Protein backbone atom coordinates (compact mmCIF):
# COMPACT_ATOMS: atom_id res chain seq x y z
CA MET A 1 67.87 59.05 43.91
CA PHE A 2 68.51 58.70 40.20
CA ARG A 3 66.74 59.54 36.97
CA VAL A 4 65.97 57.47 33.93
CA GLU A 5 66.00 58.93 30.43
CA TYR A 6 64.39 57.00 27.60
CA GLN A 7 63.05 57.56 24.11
CA ILE A 8 60.59 55.45 22.15
CA GLY A 9 61.33 55.43 18.44
CA LYS A 10 61.84 58.95 17.15
CA GLY A 11 59.60 60.39 19.84
CA GLU A 12 60.41 62.91 22.51
CA LYS A 13 62.86 61.94 25.26
CA GLN A 14 61.24 61.22 28.61
CA VAL A 15 62.95 61.85 31.95
CA VAL A 16 61.62 60.04 35.01
CA PRO A 17 63.03 60.78 38.49
CA CYS A 18 63.29 57.75 40.77
CA GLU A 19 63.35 58.98 44.35
CA ILE A 20 64.12 55.59 45.87
CA ASP A 21 66.84 53.06 45.02
CA SER A 22 64.63 51.07 42.64
CA CYS A 23 61.82 51.60 40.17
CA THR A 24 59.69 49.31 38.06
CA VAL A 25 59.14 49.27 34.31
CA GLY A 26 56.19 47.70 32.51
CA LYS A 27 52.82 48.30 30.91
CA SER A 28 50.78 48.33 34.12
CA PRO A 29 49.91 51.90 35.19
CA ASP A 30 51.33 51.33 38.70
CA ASN A 31 54.92 51.21 37.31
CA LEU A 32 57.06 54.32 37.53
CA ILE A 33 57.97 53.91 33.85
CA VAL A 34 55.01 52.78 31.74
CA LEU A 35 55.73 51.33 28.29
CA ARG A 36 53.41 49.89 25.67
CA GLY A 37 53.86 46.98 23.30
CA TRP A 38 53.09 43.30 22.95
CA ALA A 39 56.58 42.32 24.17
CA ILE A 40 56.32 44.38 27.39
CA GLY A 41 55.12 42.63 30.54
CA LYS A 42 52.89 44.17 33.21
CA LYS A 43 55.89 44.20 35.59
CA HIS A 44 58.64 43.82 33.01
CA ALA A 45 61.74 44.84 34.94
CA THR A 46 63.11 46.62 37.99
CA LEU A 47 65.94 49.14 37.84
CA GLU A 48 68.05 49.15 41.01
CA LYS A 49 70.78 51.45 42.21
CA ARG A 50 73.28 49.57 44.37
CA ILE A 51 76.69 50.49 45.79
CA SER A 52 78.35 48.48 43.00
CA GLY A 53 76.37 50.11 40.17
CA PHE A 54 73.02 49.97 38.42
CA TYR A 55 71.20 46.69 37.83
CA VAL A 56 68.33 45.69 35.57
CA ILE A 57 66.30 42.76 36.90
CA ASP A 58 64.23 41.27 34.10
CA HIS A 59 61.09 39.70 35.57
CA GLY A 60 60.52 37.66 32.41
CA SER A 61 63.68 35.63 32.93
CA SER A 62 66.26 34.80 35.58
CA CYS A 63 68.69 37.33 34.09
CA ILE A 64 70.23 40.13 36.17
CA LYS A 65 72.36 42.67 34.31
CA GLN A 66 74.76 45.21 35.77
CA TYR A 67 75.40 48.58 34.07
């Protein structure tokens, strides 16, 4: 389990608990983290917790980033 903290602009910080080893981000309401904006895809990205660290898988490209 991990939690994601994010803030949009100068708005209030949001904290989202992810009770499994991955969660999705996008503008579709079935994502754990729902964002708005013309540049956000319906299933924009997946956040994954792995043994080697945290990964962001961008579904709009073939890019995988480790954090």
